[in-house]
Amino acid sequence: MRRNLFGWIAGGMALVALGGFVGWLYERPTTVRVGVARDSADHRLIAQIAQVIAREREKVRFKVVAFDRTSSAAAALDADD
């Protein structure tokens, strides 16, 4: 009887842990990498947008990657699919 009760308790705890893990995966924010030219208007705009989204705790996060030229930013993001 005691083994059966232990099995039910362990199984219930495992289900609760699994539910918590699935909830954590579901609620995790999505990260979007954005490549922009360093010290450009686009860089300032994307950085401001990223700050607002982070402050509002949205489900999307921007990771700003700054490059010297726009063409090198596009090439680097294409190469890192």
PDB file of N, CA and C in Angstrom:
ATOM      1  N   MET A   1       0.819  -1.186   0.000  1.00  0.00           N
ATOM      2  CA  MET A   1       0.000   0.000   0.000  1.00  0.00           C
ATOM      3  C   MET A   1       0.868   1.256   0.000  1.00  0.00           C
ATOM      4  N   ARG A   2       1.931   1.228   0.798  1.00  0.00           N
ATOM      5  CA  ARG A   2       2.793   2.391   0.904  1.00  0.00           C
ATOM      6  C   ARG A   2       3.548   2.632  -0.410  1.00  0.00           C
ATOM      7  N   ARG A   3       3.969   1.571  -1.101  1.00  0.00           N
ATOM      8  CA  ARG A   3       4.637   1.720  -2.391  1.00  0.00           C
ATOM      9  C   ARG A   3       3.700   2.329  -3.422  1.00  0.00           C
ATOM     10  N   ASN A   4       2.454   1.906  -3.401  1.00  0.00           N
ATOM     11  CA  ASN A   4       1.471   2.435  -4.342  1.00  0.00           C
ATOM     12  C   ASN A   4       1.267   3.935  -4.111  1.00  0.00           C
ATOM     13  N   LEU A   5       1.171   4.338  -2.859  1.00  0.00           N
ATOM     14  CA  LEU A   5       0.991   5.749  -2.527  1.00  0.00           C
ATOM     15  C   LEU A   5       2.217   6.560  -2.947  1.00  0.00           C
ATOM     16  N   PHE A   6       3.399   6.022  -2.720  1.00  0.00           N
ATOM     17  CA  PHE A   6       4.619   6.698  -3.141  1.00  0.00           C
ATOM     18  C   PHE A   6       4.657   6.870  -4.661  1.00  0.00           C
ATOM     19  N   GLY A   7       4.236   5.876  -5.389  1.00  0.00           N
ATOM     20  CA  GLY A   7       4.189   5.946  -6.853  1.00  0.00           C
ATOM     21  C   GLY A   7       3.233   7.025  -7.332  1.00  0.00           C
ATOM     22  N   TRP A   8       2.063   7.138  -6.713  1.00  0.00           N
ATOM     23  CA  TRP A   8       1.099   8.177  -7.099  1.00  0.00           C
ATOM     24  C   TRP A   8       1.631   9.579  -6.791  1.00  0.00           C
ATOM     25  N   ILE A   9       2.269   9.725  -5.664  1.00  0.00           N
ATOM     26  CA  ILE A   9       2.835  11.034  -5.308  1.00  0.00           C
ATOM     27  C   ILE A   9       3.966  11.401  -6.269  1.00  0.00           C
ATOM     28  N   ALA A  10       4.856  10.468  -6.557  1.00  0.00           N
ATOM     29  CA  ALA A  10       5.962  10.724  -7.485  1.00  0.00           C
ATOM     30  C   ALA A  10       5.439  11.035  -8.884  1.00  0.00           C
ATOM     31  N   GLY A  11       4.441  10.300  -9.322  1.00  0.00           N
ATOM     32  CA  GLY A  11       3.850  10.552 -10.635  1.00  0.00           C
ATOM     33  C   GLY A  11       3.190  11.922 -10.706  1.00  0.00           C
ATOM     34  N   GLY A  12       2.492  12.302  -9.642  1.00  0.00           N
ATOM     35  CA  GLY A  12       1.858  13.617  -9.600  1.00  0.00           C
ATOM     36  C   GLY A  12       2.879  14.736  -9.624  1.00  0.00           C
ATOM     37  N   MET A  13       3.959  14.569  -8.875  1.00  0.00           N
ATOM     38  CA  MET A  13       5.019  15.577  -8.878  1.00  0.00           C
ATOM     39  C   MET A  13       5.685  15.672 -10.246  1.00  0.00           C
ATOM     40  N   ALA A  14       5.854  14.539 -10.923  1.00  0.00           N
ATOM     41  CA  ALA A  14       6.446  14.550 -12.260  1.00  0.00           C
ATOM     42  C   ALA A  14       5.534  15.273 -13.244  1.00  0.00           C
ATOM     43  N   LEU A  15       4.234  15.075 -13.138  1.00  0.00           N
ATOM     44  CA  LEU A  15       3.293  15.773 -14.017  1.00  0.00           C
ATOM     45  C   LEU A  15       3.298  17.278 -13.770  1.00  0.00           C
ATOM     46  N   VAL A  16       3.377  17.683 -12.525  1.00  0.00           N
ATOM     47  CA  VAL A  16       3.440  19.112 -12.201  1.00  0.00           C
ATOM     48  C   VAL A  16       4.729  19.720 -12.761  1.00  0.00           C
ATOM     49  N   ALA A  17       5.847  19.011 -12.619  1.00  0.00           N
ATOM     50  CA  ALA A  17       7.116  19.504 -13.151  1.00  0.00           C
ATOM     51  C   ALA A  17       7.071  19.593 -14.675  1.00  0.00           C
ATOM     52  N   LEU A  18       6.494  18.608 -15.322  1.00  0.00           N
ATOM     53  CA  LEU A  18       6.367  18.630 -16.771  1.00  0.00           C
ATOM     54  C   LEU A  18       5.485  19.791 -17.225  1.00  0.00           C
ATOM     55  N   GLY A  19       4.394  20.031 -16.514  1.00  0.00           N
ATOM     56  CA  GLY A  19       3.522  21.157 -16.843  1.00  0.00           C
ATOM     57  C   GLY A  19       4.236  22.492 -16.684  1.00  0.00           C
ATOM     58  N   GLY A  20       5.035  22.633 -15.651  1.00  0.00           N
ATOM     59  CA  GLY A  20       5.805  23.854 -15.460  1.00  0.00           C
ATOM     60  C   GLY A  20       6.831  24.064 -16.560  1.00  0.00           C
ATOM     61  N   PHE A  21       7.481  22.998 -16.973  1.00  0.00           N
ATOM     62  CA  PHE A  21       8.473  23.095 -18.039  1.00  0.00           C
ATOM     63  C   PHE A  21       7.825  23.476 -19.361  1.00  0.00           C
ATOM     64  N   VAL A  22       6.704  22.869 -19.684  1.00  0.00           N
ATOM     65  CA  VAL A  22       5.994  23.205 -20.921  1.00  0.00           C
ATOM     66  C   VAL A  22       5.521  24.654 -20.875  1.00  0.00           C
ATOM     67  N   GLY A  23       5.036  25.109 -19.739  1.00  0.00           N
ATOM     68  CA  GLY A  23       4.626  26.505 -19.604  1.00  0.00           C
ATOM     69  C   GLY A  23       5.789  27.455 -19.777  1.00  0.00           C
ATOM     70  N   TRP A  24       6.941  27.099 -19.242  1.00  0.00           N
ATOM     71  CA  TRP A  24       8.135  27.936 -19.396  1.00  0.00           C
ATOM     72  C   TRP A  24       8.535  28.021 -20.864  1.00  0.00           C
ATOM     73  N   LEU A  25       8.510  26.896 -21.583  1.00  0.00           N
ATOM     74  CA  LEU A  25       8.840  26.913 -23.005  1.00  0.00           C
ATOM     75  C   LEU A  25       7.852  27.765 -23.793  1.00  0.00           C
ATOM     76  N   TYR A  26       6.594  27.701 -23.459  1.00  0.00           N
ATOM     77  CA  TYR A  26       5.561  28.445 -24.174  1.00  0.00           C
ATOM     78  C   TYR A  26       5.680  29.948 -23.922  1.00  0.00           C
ATOM     79  N   GLU A  27       6.018  30.360 -22.731  1.00  0.00           N
ATOM     80  CA  GLU A  27       6.066  31.773 -22.366  1.00  0.00           C
ATOM     81  C   GLU A  27       7.394  32.453 -22.672  1.00  0.00           C
ATOM     82  N   ARG A  28       8.380  31.697 -23.100  1.00  0.00           N
ATOM     83  CA  ARG A  28       9.696  32.238 -23.386  1.00  0.00           C
ATOM     84  C   ARG A  28       9.633  33.200 -24.570  1.00  0.00           C
ATOM     85  N   PRO A  29      10.283  34.365 -24.505  1.00  0.00           N
ATOM     86  CA  PRO A  29      10.221  35.306 -25.629  1.00  0.00           C
ATOM     87  C   PRO A  29      11.041  34.820 -26.826  1.00  0.00           C
ATOM     88  N   THR A  30      10.617  35.249 -28.001  1.00  0.00           N
ATOM     89  CA  THR A  30      11.321  34.945 -29.237  1.00  0.00           C
ATOM     90  C   THR A  30      12.338  36.046 -29.499  1.00  0.00           C
ATOM     91  N   THR A  31      13.552  35.683 -29.846  1.00  0.00           N
ATOM     92  CA  THR A  31      14.602  36.664 -30.110  1.00  0.00           C
ATOM     93  C   THR A  31      14.766  36.831 -31.613  1.00  0.00           C
ATOM     94  N   VAL A  32      14.730  38.089 -32.055  1.00  0.00           N
ATOM     95  CA  VAL A  32      14.918  38.435 -33.462  1.00  0.00           C
ATOM     96  C   VAL A  32      16.224  39.209 -33.574  1.00  0.00           C
ATOM     97  N   ARG A  33      17.134  38.715 -34.389  1.00  0.00           N
ATOM     98  CA  ARG A  33      18.401  39.410 -34.603  1.00  0.00           C
ATOM     99  C   ARG A  33      18.243  40.396 -35.741  1.00  0.00           C
ATOM    100  N   VAL A  34      18.651  41.639 -35.508  1.00  0.00           N
ATOM    101  CA  VAL A  34      18.547  42.700 -36.503  1.00  0.00           C
ATOM    102  C   VAL A  34      19.941  43.265 -36.727  1.00  0.00           C
ATOM    103  N   GLY A  35      20.408  43.206 -37.987  1.00  0.00           N
ATOM    104  CA  GLY A  35      21.720  43.745 -38.327  1.00  0.00           C
ATOM    105  C   GLY A  35      21.576  45.120 -38.966  1.00  0.00           C
ATOM    106  N   VAL A  36      22.251  46.086 -38.414  1.00  0.00           N
ATOM    107  CA  VAL A  36      22.182  47.455 -38.928  1.00  0.00           C
ATOM    108  C   VAL A  36      23.581  48.061 -38.957  1.00  0.00           C
ATOM    109  N   ALA A  37      23.706  49.123 -39.756  1.00  0.00           N
ATOM    110  CA  ALA A  37      24.975  49.833 -39.830  1.00  0.00           C
ATOM    111  C   ALA A  37      25.190  50.623 -38.543  1.00  0.00           C
ATOM    112  N   ARG A  38      26.399  50.597 -38.054  1.00  0.00           N
ATOM    113  CA  ARG A  38      26.753  51.281 -36.809  1.00  0.00           C
ATOM    114  C   ARG A  38      26.605  52.798 -36.970  1.00  0.00           C
ATOM    115  N   ASP A  39      26.092  53.453 -35.939  1.00  0.00           N
ATOM    116  CA  ASP A  39      25.928  54.910 -35.881  1.00  0.00           C
ATOM    117  C   ASP A  39      25.076  55.465 -37.019  1.00  0.00           C
ATOM    118  N   SER A  40      24.050  54.722 -37.417  1.00  0.00           N
ATOM    119  CA  SER A  40      23.134  55.208 -38.445  1.00  0.00           C
ATOM    120  C   SER A  40      21.781  55.497 -37.800  1.00  0.00           C
ATOM    121  N   ALA A  41      20.894  56.104 -38.567  1.00  0.00           N
ATOM    122  CA  ALA A  41      19.544  56.373 -38.077  1.00  0.00           C
ATOM    123  C   ALA A  41      18.803  55.065 -37.818  1.00  0.00           C
ATOM    124  N   ASP A  42      19.055  54.057 -38.655  1.00  0.00           N
ATOM    125  CA  ASP A  42      18.426  52.752 -38.458  1.00  0.00           C
ATOM    126  C   ASP A  42      18.865  52.125 -37.137  1.00  0.00           C
ATOM    127  N   HIS A  43      20.146  52.270 -36.814  1.00  0.00           N
ATOM    128  CA  HIS A  43      20.666  51.700 -35.567  1.00  0.00           C
ATOM    129  C   HIS A  43      19.996  52.345 -34.356  1.00  0.00           C
ATOM    130  N   ARG A  44      19.874  53.662 -34.387  1.00  0.00           N
ATOM    131  CA  ARG A  44      19.219  54.361 -33.270  1.00  0.00           C
ATOM    132  C   ARG A  44      17.751  53.976 -33.166  1.00  0.00           C
ATOM    133  N   LEU A  45      17.068  53.856 -34.309  1.00  0.00           N
ATOM    134  CA  LEU A  45      15.643  53.498 -34.307  1.00  0.00           C
ATOM    135  C   LEU A  45      15.428  52.090 -33.754  1.00  0.00           C
ATOM    136  N   ILE A  46      16.196  51.134 -34.255  1.00  0.00           N
ATOM    137  CA  ILE A  46      16.039  49.744 -33.800  1.00  0.00           C
ATOM    138  C   ILE A  46      16.414  49.615 -32.328  1.00  0.00           C
ATOM    139  N   ALA A  47      17.430  50.340 -31.883  1.00  0.00           N
ATOM    140  CA  ALA A  47      17.809  50.290 -30.467  1.00  0.00           C
ATOM    141  C   ALA A  47      16.693  50.839 -29.586  1.00  0.00           C
ATOM    142  N   GLN A  48      16.039  51.903 -30.015  1.00  0.00           N
ATOM    143  CA  GLN A  48      14.914  52.454 -29.247  1.00  0.00           C
ATOM    144  C   GLN A  48      13.734  51.486 -29.227  1.00  0.00           C
ATOM    145  N   ILE A  49      13.444  50.878 -30.363  1.00  0.00           N
ATOM    146  CA  ILE A  49      12.353  49.897 -30.423  1.00  0.00           C
ATOM    147  C   ILE A  49      12.655  48.723 -29.503  1.00  0.00           C
ATOM    148  N   ALA A  50      13.896  48.248 -29.513  1.00  0.00           N
ATOM    149  CA  ALA A  50      14.284  47.126 -28.654  1.00  0.00           C
ATOM    150  C   ALA A  50      14.121  47.487 -27.180  1.00  0.00           C
ATOM    151  N   GLN A  51      14.459  48.719 -26.802  1.00  0.00           N
ATOM    152  CA  GLN A  51      14.304  49.140 -25.409  1.00  0.00           C
ATOM    153  C   GLN A  51      12.838  49.189 -24.999  1.00  0.00           C
ATOM    154  N   VAL A  52      11.987  49.715 -25.869  1.00  0.00           N
ATOM    155  CA  VAL A  52      10.558  49.801 -25.550  1.00  0.00           C
ATOM    156  C   VAL A  52       9.951  48.411 -25.418  1.00  0.00           C
ATOM    157  N   ILE A  53      10.298  47.531 -26.331  1.00  0.00           N
ATOM    158  CA  ILE A  53       9.749  46.170 -26.280  1.00  0.00           C
ATOM    159  C   ILE A  53      10.233  45.444 -25.029  1.00  0.00           C
ATOM    160  N   ALA A  54      11.495  45.625 -24.659  1.00  0.00           N
ATOM    161  CA  ALA A  54      12.015  44.984 -23.443  1.00  0.00           C
ATOM    162  C   ALA A  54      11.334  45.551 -22.200  1.00  0.00           C
ATOM    163  N   ARG A  55      11.095  46.847 -22.188  1.00  0.00           N
ATOM    164  CA  ARG A  55      10.441  47.477 -21.033  1.00  0.00           C
ATOM    165  C   ARG A  55       8.998  47.003 -20.884  1.00  0.00           C
ATOM    166  N   GLU A  56       8.311  46.807 -22.005  1.00  0.00           N
ATOM    167  CA  GLU A  56       6.915  46.373 -21.978  1.00  0.00           C
ATOM    168  C   GLU A  56       6.762  44.864 -21.784  1.00  0.00           C
ATOM    169  N   ARG A  57       7.880  44.164 -21.758  1.00  0.00           N
ATOM    170  CA  ARG A  57       7.899  42.709 -21.557  1.00  0.00           C
ATOM    171  C   ARG A  57       7.059  41.959 -22.591  1.00  0.00           C
ATOM    172  N   GLU A  58       7.264  42.325 -23.843  1.00  0.00           N
ATOM    173  CA  GLU A  58       6.575  41.659 -24.947  1.00  0.00           C
ATOM    174  C   GLU A  58       7.184  40.277 -25.179  1.00  0.00           C
ATOM    175  N   LYS A  59       6.528  39.474 -26.007  1.00  0.00           N
ATOM    176  CA  LYS A  59       6.987  38.113 -26.258  1.00  0.00           C
ATOM    177  C   LYS A  59       8.070  38.054 -27.335  1.00  0.00           C
ATOM    178  N   VAL A  60       8.478  39.213 -27.862  1.00  0.00           N
ATOM    179  CA  VAL A  60       9.528  39.281 -28.869  1.00  0.00           C
ATOM    180  C   VAL A  60      10.639  40.166 -28.332  1.00  0.00           C
ATOM    181  N   ARG A  61      11.888  39.746 -28.539  1.00  0.00           N
ATOM    182  CA  ARG A  61      13.037  40.550 -28.143  1.00  0.00           C
ATOM    183  C   ARG A  61      13.881  40.803 -29.377  1.00  0.00           C
ATOM    184  N   PHE A  62      14.404  42.012 -29.494  1.00  0.00           N
ATOM    185  CA  PHE A  62      15.322  42.342 -30.574  1.00  0.00           C
ATOM    186  C   PHE A  62      16.740  42.279 -30.053  1.00  0.00           C
ATOM    187  N   LYS A  63      17.609  41.637 -30.808  1.00  0.00           N
ATOM    188  CA  LYS A  63      19.039  41.658 -30.520  1.00  0.00           C
ATOM    189  C   LYS A  63      19.674  42.450 -31.650  1.00  0.00           C
ATOM    190  N   VAL A  64      20.169  43.633 -31.341  1.00  0.00           N
ATOM    191  CA  VAL A  64      20.741  44.524 -32.347  1.00  0.00           C
ATOM    192  C   VAL A  64      22.202  44.157 -32.559  1.00  0.00           C
ATOM    193  N   VAL A  65      22.552  43.866 -33.811  1.00  0.00           N
ATOM    194  CA  VAL A  65      23.918  43.533 -34.180  1.00  0.00           C
ATOM    195  C   VAL A  65      24.414  44.656 -35.082  1.00  0.00           C
ATOM    196  N   ALA A  66      25.402  45.419 -34.618  1.00  0.00           N
ATOM    197  CA  ALA A  66      25.910  46.568 -35.362  1.00  0.00           C
ATOM    198  C   ALA A  66      27.117  46.177 -36.207  1.00  0.00           C
ATOM    199  N   PHE A  67      27.143  46.660 -37.445  1.00  0.00           N
ATOM    200  CA  PHE A  67      28.232  46.417 -38.378  1.00  0.00           C
ATOM    201  C   PHE A  67      28.709  47.749 -38.927  1.00  0.00           C
ATOM    202  N   ASP A  68      29.881  47.723 -39.572  1.00  0.00           N
ATOM    203  CA  ASP A  68      30.429  48.951 -40.139  1.00  0.00           C
ATOM    204  C   ASP A  68      29.642  49.408 -41.364  1.00  0.00           C
ATOM    205  N   ARG A  69      29.198  48.451 -42.186  1.00  0.00           N
ATOM    206  CA  ARG A  69      28.433  48.796 -43.386  1.00  0.00           C
ATOM    207  C   ARG A  69      27.181  47.937 -43.449  1.00  0.00           C
ATOM    208  N   THR A  70      26.161  48.427 -44.130  1.00  0.00           N
ATOM    209  CA  THR A  70      24.902  47.689 -44.262  1.00  0.00           C
ATOM    210  C   THR A  70      25.106  46.400 -45.042  1.00  0.00           C
ATOM    211  N   SER A  71      25.954  46.423 -46.053  1.00  0.00           N
ATOM    212  CA  SER A  71      26.184  45.218 -46.854  1.00  0.00           C
ATOM    213  C   SER A  71      26.835  44.110 -46.025  1.00  0.00           C
ATOM    214  N   SER A  72      27.734  44.466 -45.120  1.00  0.00           N
ATOM    215  CA  SER A  72      28.348  43.434 -44.276  1.00  0.00           C
ATOM    216  C   SER A  72      27.354  42.896 -43.254  1.00  0.00           C
ATOM    217  N   ALA A  73      26.411  43.717 -42.811  1.00  0.00           N
ATOM    218  CA  ALA A  73      25.375  43.248 -41.890  1.00  0.00           C
ATOM    219  C   ALA A  73      24.490  42.218 -42.570  1.00  0.00           C
ATOM    220  N   ALA A  74      24.082  42.500 -43.800  1.00  0.00           N
ATOM    221  CA  ALA A  74      23.236  41.557 -44.535  1.00  0.00           C
ATOM    222  C   ALA A  74      23.966  40.255 -44.806  1.00  0.00           C
ATOM    223  N   ALA A  75      25.239  40.350 -45.179  1.00  0.00           N
ATOM    224  CA  ALA A  75      26.012  39.146 -45.454  1.00  0.00           C
ATOM    225  C   ALA A  75      26.198  38.300 -44.201  1.00  0.00           C
ATOM    226  N   ALA A  76      26.462  38.939 -43.074  1.00  0.00           N
ATOM    227  CA  ALA A  76      26.670  38.191 -41.829  1.00  0.00           C
ATOM    228  C   ALA A  76      25.391  37.513 -41.361  1.00  0.00           C
ATOM    229  N   LEU A  77      24.259  38.194 -41.473  1.00  0.00           N
ATOM    230  CA  LEU A  77      22.999  37.573 -41.070  1.00  0.00           C
ATOM    231  C   LEU A  77      22.595  36.449 -42.008  1.00  0.00           C
ATOM    232  N   ASP A  78      22.883  36.571 -43.298  1.00  0.00           N
ATOM    233  CA  ASP A  78      22.593  35.481 -44.241  1.00  0.00           C
ATOM    234  C   ASP A  78      23.461  34.266 -43.967  1.00  0.00           C
ATOM    235  N   ALA A  79      24.713  34.491 -43.586  1.00  0.00           N
ATOM    236  CA  ALA A  79      25.632  33.391 -43.336  1.00  0.00           C
ATOM    237  C   ALA A  79      25.317  32.655 -42.046  1.00  0.00           C
ATOM    238  N   ASP A  80      24.626  33.289 -41.109  1.00  0.00           N
ATOM    239  CA  ASP A  80      24.364  32.685 -39.797  1.00  0.00           C
ATOM    240  C   ASP A  80      22.925  32.224 -39.661  1.00  0.00           C
ATOM    241  N   ASP A  81      22.364  31.609 -40.705  1.00  0.00           N
ATOM    242  CA  ASP A  81      20.972  31.123 -40.655  1.00  0.00           C
ATOM    243  C   ASP A  81      20.852  30.193 -39.534  1.00  0.00           C
TER     244      ASP A  81
END
